[in-house]
Amino acid sequence: RSDCPITNALEVLGDRWTLIIVRDLVFKGLREFGQFLGAGEGISTNILTERLERLQCAGVIVRSDHPQDGKKYLYRLTEKGVDLIPLLIELVLWGAKYTPDHAAPARTLREMRTNPEKTIAGLRAALLKELKD
């Protein structure tokens, strides 16, 4: 096992689908398996299942029973997962800078650039409140 923190982080987060799931939890408010499937990225059910299990085993997300449908689960970020928000914001800003045809709203990018601490605090508070409720 490597003693490099980047290597260890990439063992959990090091593929496209994992970060897209975390992105959807943070920025899009998705919570259900079907919502992730229908998010427009084209993830397959078997990959989604495996990534949700990996994130859960790593303590990044928690799964709970759906309050209205006993056949479904809800997925939420844990505090460990919420701590990924600064990383996601940096990825958004980097991607927007170097990808001319991105879909990120200009207002959101401006807020992330000018006051990242406020953006992080707002997202963090909302997600941790949801986790406790």
N, C-alpha and C. Protein backbone atom coordinates (compact mmCIF):
# COMPACT_ATOMS: atom_id res chain seq x y z
N ARG A 1 0.84 -1.18 0.00
CA ARG A 1 0.00 0.00 0.00
C ARG A 1 0.89 1.24 0.00
N SER A 2 0.51 2.20 -0.79
CA SER A 2 1.29 3.42 -0.92
C SER A 2 1.09 4.31 0.30
N ASP A 3 2.11 5.11 0.60
CA ASP A 3 1.97 6.09 1.67
C ASP A 3 1.70 7.49 1.11
N CYS A 4 1.42 7.57 -0.19
CA CYS A 4 1.14 8.84 -0.84
C CYS A 4 -0.35 9.20 -0.68
N PRO A 5 -0.67 10.37 -0.13
CA PRO A 5 -2.07 10.74 0.05
C PRO A 5 -2.84 10.85 -1.27
N ILE A 6 -2.17 11.25 -2.34
CA ILE A 6 -2.86 11.34 -3.63
C ILE A 6 -3.23 9.95 -4.12
N THR A 7 -2.31 9.01 -4.03
CA THR A 7 -2.59 7.63 -4.43
C THR A 7 -3.75 7.07 -3.61
N ASN A 8 -3.73 7.29 -2.31
CA ASN A 8 -4.79 6.77 -1.45
C ASN A 8 -6.14 7.40 -1.75
N ALA A 9 -6.16 8.69 -2.04
CA ALA A 9 -7.41 9.35 -2.41
C ALA A 9 -7.93 8.81 -3.74
N LEU A 10 -7.03 8.58 -4.68
CA LEU A 10 -7.43 8.07 -5.99
C LEU A 10 -7.95 6.64 -5.92
N GLU A 11 -7.55 5.89 -4.91
CA GLU A 11 -8.11 4.54 -4.75
C GLU A 11 -9.62 4.60 -4.52
N VAL A 12 -10.08 5.65 -3.89
CA VAL A 12 -11.52 5.82 -3.64
C VAL A 12 -12.17 6.62 -4.76
N LEU A 13 -11.54 7.71 -5.18
CA LEU A 13 -12.18 8.68 -6.07
C LEU A 13 -11.63 8.71 -7.48
N GLY A 14 -10.74 7.81 -7.82
CA GLY A 14 -9.94 7.95 -9.02
C GLY A 14 -10.55 7.56 -10.33
N ASP A 15 -11.84 7.60 -10.47
CA ASP A 15 -12.40 7.37 -11.79
C ASP A 15 -13.54 8.36 -12.03
N ARG A 16 -13.86 8.53 -13.26
CA ARG A 16 -14.86 9.51 -13.68
C ARG A 16 -16.20 9.34 -12.97
N TRP A 17 -16.67 8.11 -12.92
CA TRP A 17 -18.03 7.88 -12.41
C TRP A 17 -18.16 8.22 -10.93
N THR A 18 -17.16 7.91 -10.17
CA THR A 18 -17.22 8.19 -8.74
C THR A 18 -17.36 9.68 -8.48
N LEU A 19 -16.56 10.48 -9.13
CA LEU A 19 -16.66 11.93 -8.93
C LEU A 19 -17.95 12.51 -9.50
N ILE A 20 -18.48 11.92 -10.55
CA ILE A 20 -19.76 12.38 -11.09
C ILE A 20 -20.88 12.10 -10.10
N ILE A 21 -20.85 10.96 -9.45
CA ILE A 21 -21.86 10.65 -8.42
C ILE A 21 -21.76 11.66 -7.28
N VAL A 22 -20.55 11.93 -6.82
CA VAL A 22 -20.37 12.92 -5.74
C VAL A 22 -20.84 14.29 -6.22
N ARG A 23 -20.49 14.66 -7.46
CA ARG A 23 -20.96 15.93 -8.02
C ARG A 23 -22.48 16.01 -7.99
N ASP A 24 -23.14 14.93 -8.41
CA ASP A 24 -24.60 14.93 -8.45
C ASP A 24 -25.22 15.02 -7.06
N LEU A 25 -24.57 14.44 -6.08
CA LEU A 25 -25.04 14.56 -4.70
C LEU A 25 -24.90 16.00 -4.20
N VAL A 26 -23.78 16.64 -4.52
CA VAL A 26 -23.50 17.99 -4.02
C VAL A 26 -24.28 19.05 -4.77
N PHE A 27 -24.17 19.08 -6.08
CA PHE A 27 -24.68 20.19 -6.87
C PHE A 27 -26.07 19.98 -7.44
N LYS A 28 -26.45 18.74 -7.68
CA LYS A 28 -27.76 18.47 -8.30
C LYS A 28 -28.80 17.96 -7.31
N GLY A 29 -28.37 17.60 -6.12
CA GLY A 29 -29.32 17.11 -5.11
C GLY A 29 -29.90 15.75 -5.41
N LEU A 30 -29.23 14.96 -6.22
CA LEU A 30 -29.74 13.62 -6.51
C LEU A 30 -29.52 12.73 -5.29
N ARG A 31 -30.49 11.85 -5.05
CA ARG A 31 -30.42 10.98 -3.87
C ARG A 31 -30.80 9.53 -4.16
N GLU A 32 -31.44 9.27 -5.29
CA GLU A 32 -31.95 7.93 -5.59
C GLU A 32 -31.20 7.31 -6.77
N PHE A 33 -31.11 5.99 -6.76
CA PHE A 33 -30.44 5.23 -7.81
C PHE A 33 -30.94 5.65 -9.19
N GLY A 34 -32.24 5.68 -9.36
CA GLY A 34 -32.83 6.04 -10.65
C GLY A 34 -32.51 7.46 -11.09
N GLN A 35 -32.37 8.36 -10.12
CA GLN A 35 -31.99 9.73 -10.45
C GLN A 35 -30.58 9.78 -11.03
N PHE A 36 -29.67 9.01 -10.43
CA PHE A 36 -28.31 8.96 -10.96
C PHE A 36 -28.30 8.38 -12.38
N LEU A 37 -29.08 7.33 -12.60
CA LEU A 37 -29.16 6.72 -13.93
C LEU A 37 -29.69 7.71 -14.96
N GLY A 38 -30.66 8.52 -14.56
CA GLY A 38 -31.29 9.46 -15.48
C GLY A 38 -30.63 10.82 -15.56
N ALA A 39 -29.44 10.95 -14.99
CA ALA A 39 -28.78 12.26 -14.93
C ALA A 39 -28.15 12.70 -16.25
N GLY A 40 -28.19 11.84 -17.25
CA GLY A 40 -27.70 12.23 -18.56
C GLY A 40 -26.25 11.92 -18.86
N GLU A 41 -25.56 11.28 -17.93
CA GLU A 41 -24.14 10.96 -18.16
C GLU A 41 -23.94 9.61 -18.83
N GLY A 42 -24.96 8.76 -18.80
CA GLY A 42 -24.86 7.47 -19.46
C GLY A 42 -24.21 6.37 -18.65
N ILE A 43 -24.23 6.48 -17.34
CA ILE A 43 -23.66 5.44 -16.49
C ILE A 43 -24.54 4.20 -16.55
N SER A 44 -23.92 3.04 -16.58
CA SER A 44 -24.66 1.78 -16.61
C SER A 44 -25.05 1.38 -15.19
N THR A 45 -26.05 0.54 -15.06
CA THR A 45 -26.54 0.14 -13.74
C THR A 45 -25.47 -0.61 -12.96
N ASN A 46 -24.70 -1.48 -13.62
CA ASN A 46 -23.70 -2.24 -12.87
C ASN A 46 -22.56 -1.34 -12.38
N ILE A 47 -22.16 -0.36 -13.16
CA ILE A 47 -21.11 0.56 -12.71
C ILE A 47 -21.64 1.44 -11.59
N LEU A 48 -22.86 1.93 -11.74
CA LEU A 48 -23.45 2.76 -10.68
C LEU A 48 -23.55 1.98 -9.38
N THR A 49 -24.01 0.75 -9.45
CA THR A 49 -24.11 -0.09 -8.25
C THR A 49 -22.74 -0.26 -7.58
N GLU A 50 -21.73 -0.56 -8.39
CA GLU A 50 -20.39 -0.77 -7.84
C GLU A 50 -19.82 0.50 -7.23
N ARG A 51 -20.01 1.64 -7.89
CA ARG A 51 -19.46 2.90 -7.36
C ARG A 51 -20.19 3.33 -6.09
N LEU A 52 -21.49 3.15 -6.03
CA LEU A 52 -22.22 3.49 -4.80
C LEU A 52 -21.75 2.61 -3.65
N GLU A 53 -21.53 1.33 -3.91
CA GLU A 53 -21.02 0.44 -2.87
C GLU A 53 -19.61 0.84 -2.44
N ARG A 54 -18.77 1.20 -3.39
CA ARG A 54 -17.40 1.62 -3.07
C ARG A 54 -17.42 2.89 -2.21
N LEU A 55 -18.24 3.86 -2.60
CA LEU A 55 -18.34 5.10 -1.82
C LEU A 55 -18.88 4.84 -0.42
N GLN A 56 -19.83 3.93 -0.32
CA GLN A 56 -20.39 3.59 0.99
C GLN A 56 -19.34 2.89 1.85
N CYS A 57 -18.63 1.94 1.29
CA CYS A 57 -17.58 1.23 2.04
C CYS A 57 -16.46 2.16 2.49
N ALA A 58 -16.19 3.18 1.69
CA ALA A 58 -15.15 4.15 2.03
C ALA A 58 -15.64 5.21 3.01
N GLY A 59 -16.92 5.19 3.35
CA GLY A 59 -17.45 6.16 4.30
C GLY A 59 -17.72 7.53 3.70
N VAL A 60 -17.81 7.61 2.38
CA VAL A 60 -18.07 8.88 1.70
C VAL A 60 -19.57 9.15 1.61
N ILE A 61 -20.35 8.08 1.47
CA ILE A 61 -21.81 8.21 1.44
C ILE A 61 -22.41 7.23 2.44
N VAL A 62 -23.66 7.48 2.73
CA VAL A 62 -24.44 6.57 3.56
C VAL A 62 -25.73 6.26 2.81
N ARG A 63 -26.18 5.03 2.93
CA ARG A 63 -27.43 4.60 2.29
C ARG A 63 -28.47 4.39 3.37
N SER A 64 -29.69 4.87 3.10
CA SER A 64 -30.79 4.66 4.04
C SER A 64 -32.04 4.26 3.28
N ASP A 65 -32.98 3.68 3.99
CA ASP A 65 -34.25 3.29 3.37
C ASP A 65 -35.00 4.53 2.92
N HIS A 66 -35.65 4.42 1.79
CA HIS A 66 -36.47 5.51 1.26
C HIS A 66 -37.73 5.61 2.12
N PRO A 67 -38.11 6.80 2.58
CA PRO A 67 -39.27 6.92 3.48
C PRO A 67 -40.61 6.63 2.81
N GLN A 68 -40.71 6.80 1.49
CA GLN A 68 -41.98 6.56 0.80
C GLN A 68 -42.03 5.26 0.00
N ASP A 69 -40.89 4.67 -0.28
CA ASP A 69 -40.86 3.47 -1.11
C ASP A 69 -39.86 2.49 -0.52
N GLY A 70 -40.36 1.43 0.07
CA GLY A 70 -39.52 0.44 0.73
C GLY A 70 -38.60 -0.33 -0.20
N LYS A 71 -38.80 -0.19 -1.52
CA LYS A 71 -37.95 -0.88 -2.48
C LYS A 71 -36.75 -0.03 -2.89
N LYS A 72 -36.71 1.21 -2.43
CA LYS A 72 -35.66 2.14 -2.84
C LYS A 72 -34.80 2.55 -1.64
N TYR A 73 -33.64 3.10 -1.98
CA TYR A 73 -32.75 3.67 -0.98
C TYR A 73 -32.46 5.12 -1.32
N LEU A 74 -32.06 5.85 -0.31
CA LEU A 74 -31.56 7.21 -0.48
C LEU A 74 -30.07 7.21 -0.19
N TYR A 75 -29.33 8.00 -0.92
CA TYR A 75 -27.88 8.13 -0.72
C TYR A 75 -27.57 9.57 -0.34
N ARG A 76 -26.77 9.71 0.69
CA ARG A 76 -26.36 11.04 1.16
C ARG A 76 -24.88 11.03 1.45
N LEU A 77 -24.28 12.21 1.34
CA LEU A 77 -22.87 12.33 1.69
C LEU A 77 -22.71 12.32 3.20
N THR A 78 -21.67 11.67 3.66
CA THR A 78 -21.28 11.75 5.06
C THR A 78 -20.44 13.01 5.23
N GLU A 79 -19.98 13.27 6.44
CA GLU A 79 -19.09 14.41 6.65
C GLU A 79 -17.82 14.24 5.82
N LYS A 80 -17.35 13.02 5.73
CA LYS A 80 -16.17 12.73 4.90
C LYS A 80 -16.44 13.11 3.44
N GLY A 81 -17.63 12.80 2.97
CA GLY A 81 -18.01 13.16 1.60
C GLY A 81 -18.18 14.65 1.42
N VAL A 82 -18.77 15.30 2.40
CA VAL A 82 -18.95 16.76 2.35
C VAL A 82 -17.60 17.46 2.28
N ASP A 83 -16.59 16.87 2.88
CA ASP A 83 -15.25 17.45 2.84
C ASP A 83 -14.64 17.45 1.44
N LEU A 84 -15.31 16.83 0.48
CA LEU A 84 -14.86 16.86 -0.91
C LEU A 84 -15.31 18.12 -1.65
N ILE A 85 -16.16 18.91 -1.06
CA ILE A 85 -16.69 20.10 -1.74
C ILE A 85 -15.59 21.02 -2.26
N PRO A 86 -14.57 21.36 -1.48
CA PRO A 86 -13.52 22.23 -2.05
C PRO A 86 -12.84 21.63 -3.29
N LEU A 87 -12.62 20.33 -3.27
CA LEU A 87 -12.04 19.65 -4.43
C LEU A 87 -12.96 19.79 -5.64
N LEU A 88 -14.25 19.57 -5.45
CA LEU A 88 -15.20 19.68 -6.55
C LEU A 88 -15.24 21.10 -7.11
N ILE A 89 -15.21 22.08 -6.24
CA ILE A 89 -15.22 23.47 -6.71
C ILE A 89 -13.98 23.76 -7.53
N GLU A 90 -12.84 23.29 -7.09
CA GLU A 90 -11.60 23.50 -7.87
C GLU A 90 -11.68 22.79 -9.22
N LEU A 91 -12.28 21.60 -9.25
CA LEU A 91 -12.45 20.90 -10.53
C LEU A 91 -13.40 21.65 -11.45
N VAL A 92 -14.48 22.20 -10.90
CA VAL A 92 -15.41 23.00 -11.70
C VAL A 92 -14.69 24.19 -12.31
N LEU A 93 -13.95 24.91 -11.48
CA LEU A 93 -13.25 26.11 -11.96
C LEU A 93 -12.19 25.76 -13.00
N TRP A 94 -11.44 24.71 -12.75
CA TRP A 94 -10.42 24.29 -13.70
C TRP A 94 -11.07 23.86 -15.01
N GLY A 95 -12.11 23.03 -14.91
CA GLY A 95 -12.80 22.55 -16.11
C GLY A 95 -13.43 23.67 -16.91
N ALA A 96 -14.03 24.64 -16.22
CA ALA A 96 -14.64 25.77 -16.91
C ALA A 96 -13.60 26.63 -17.61
N LYS A 97 -12.45 26.77 -16.98
CA LYS A 97 -11.37 27.58 -17.57
C LYS A 97 -10.84 26.96 -18.86
N TYR A 98 -10.72 25.65 -18.88
CA TYR A 98 -10.08 24.99 -20.01
C TYR A 98 -11.03 24.27 -20.95
N THR A 99 -12.32 24.37 -20.72
CA THR A 99 -13.32 23.78 -21.60
C THR A 99 -14.26 24.88 -22.07
N PRO A 100 -14.10 25.35 -23.29
CA PRO A 100 -14.88 26.50 -23.74
C PRO A 100 -16.38 26.25 -23.82
N ASP A 101 -16.80 25.01 -24.08
CA ASP A 101 -18.23 24.73 -24.26
C ASP A 101 -18.84 24.04 -23.04
N HIS A 102 -18.54 24.54 -21.86
CA HIS A 102 -19.09 23.94 -20.64
C HIS A 102 -20.49 24.49 -20.38
N ALA A 103 -21.20 23.82 -19.48
CA ALA A 103 -22.58 24.21 -19.16
C ALA A 103 -22.71 24.87 -17.79
N ALA A 104 -21.61 25.16 -17.15
CA ALA A 104 -21.69 25.77 -15.81
C ALA A 104 -22.23 27.20 -15.92
N PRO A 105 -23.22 27.53 -15.10
CA PRO A 105 -23.77 28.89 -15.14
C PRO A 105 -22.72 29.93 -14.73
N ALA A 106 -22.69 31.04 -15.47
CA ALA A 106 -21.70 32.10 -15.21
C ALA A 106 -21.81 32.62 -13.78
N ARG A 107 -23.02 32.77 -13.28
CA ARG A 107 -23.22 33.28 -11.91
C ARG A 107 -22.59 32.34 -10.88
N THR A 108 -22.80 31.06 -11.06
CA THR A 108 -22.23 30.07 -10.15
C THR A 108 -20.71 30.11 -10.18
N LEU A 109 -20.15 30.17 -11.38
CA LEU A 109 -18.69 30.24 -11.50
C LEU A 109 -18.15 31.50 -10.84
N ARG A 110 -18.83 32.62 -11.03
CA ARG A 110 -18.40 33.88 -10.42
C ARG A 110 -18.41 33.77 -8.90
N GLU A 111 -19.45 33.17 -8.34
CA GLU A 111 -19.54 32.99 -6.89
C GLU A 111 -18.42 32.07 -6.38
N MET A 112 -18.16 31.01 -7.13
CA MET A 112 -17.09 30.08 -6.73
C MET A 112 -15.72 30.75 -6.78
N ARG A 113 -15.53 31.60 -7.78
CA ARG A 113 -14.23 32.28 -7.92
C ARG A 113 -14.04 33.38 -6.89
N THR A 114 -15.07 34.19 -6.68
CA THR A 114 -14.91 35.38 -5.84
C THR A 114 -15.04 35.09 -4.36
N ASN A 115 -15.85 34.11 -4.01
CA ASN A 115 -16.03 33.81 -2.60
C ASN A 115 -16.19 32.30 -2.38
N PRO A 116 -15.12 31.55 -2.62
CA PRO A 116 -15.23 30.10 -2.48
C PRO A 116 -15.59 29.65 -1.06
N GLU A 117 -15.11 30.39 -0.06
CA GLU A 117 -15.42 30.00 1.32
C GLU A 117 -16.92 30.06 1.60
N LYS A 118 -17.57 31.08 1.06
CA LYS A 118 -19.02 31.21 1.25
C LYS A 118 -19.75 30.08 0.52
N THR A 119 -19.32 29.77 -0.69
CA THR A 119 -19.93 28.69 -1.45
C THR A 119 -19.77 27.36 -0.71
N ILE A 120 -18.57 27.10 -0.25
CA ILE A 120 -18.29 25.86 0.50
C ILE A 120 -19.14 25.80 1.76
N ALA A 121 -19.17 26.88 2.51
CA ALA A 121 -19.93 26.90 3.77
C ALA A 121 -21.42 26.66 3.54
N GLY A 122 -21.97 27.27 2.50
CA GLY A 122 -23.39 27.09 2.21
C GLY A 122 -23.73 25.67 1.83
N LEU A 123 -22.94 25.09 0.93
CA LEU A 123 -23.17 23.70 0.54
C LEU A 123 -22.97 22.76 1.71
N ARG A 124 -21.91 23.00 2.46
CA ARG A 124 -21.59 22.15 3.60
C ARG A 124 -22.72 22.16 4.63
N ALA A 125 -23.21 23.34 4.97
CA ALA A 125 -24.28 23.45 5.97
C ALA A 125 -25.54 22.72 5.51
N ALA A 126 -25.91 22.90 4.25
CA ALA A 126 -27.13 22.26 3.74
C ALA A 126 -26.99 20.74 3.73
N LEU A 127 -25.85 20.23 3.30
CA LEU A 127 -25.67 18.79 3.22
C LEU A 127 -25.56 18.14 4.59
N LEU A 128 -24.90 18.80 5.52
CA LEU A 128 -24.81 18.24 6.88
C LEU A 128 -26.14 18.30 7.60
N LYS A 129 -26.94 19.34 7.34
CA LYS A 129 -28.29 19.42 7.93
C LYS A 129 -29.13 18.26 7.41
N GLU A 130 -29.06 18.02 6.10
CA GLU A 130 -29.81 16.93 5.50
C GLU A 130 -29.39 15.59 6.10
N LEU A 131 -28.11 15.42 6.34
CA LEU A 131 -27.60 14.17 6.90
C LEU A 131 -28.16 13.94 8.30
N LYS A 132 -28.29 15.00 9.08
CA LYS A 132 -28.78 14.88 10.46
C LYS A 132 -30.28 14.67 10.52
N ASP A 133 -31.02 15.19 9.53
CA ASP A 133 -32.49 15.10 9.56
C ASP A 133 -32.99 13.71 9.27
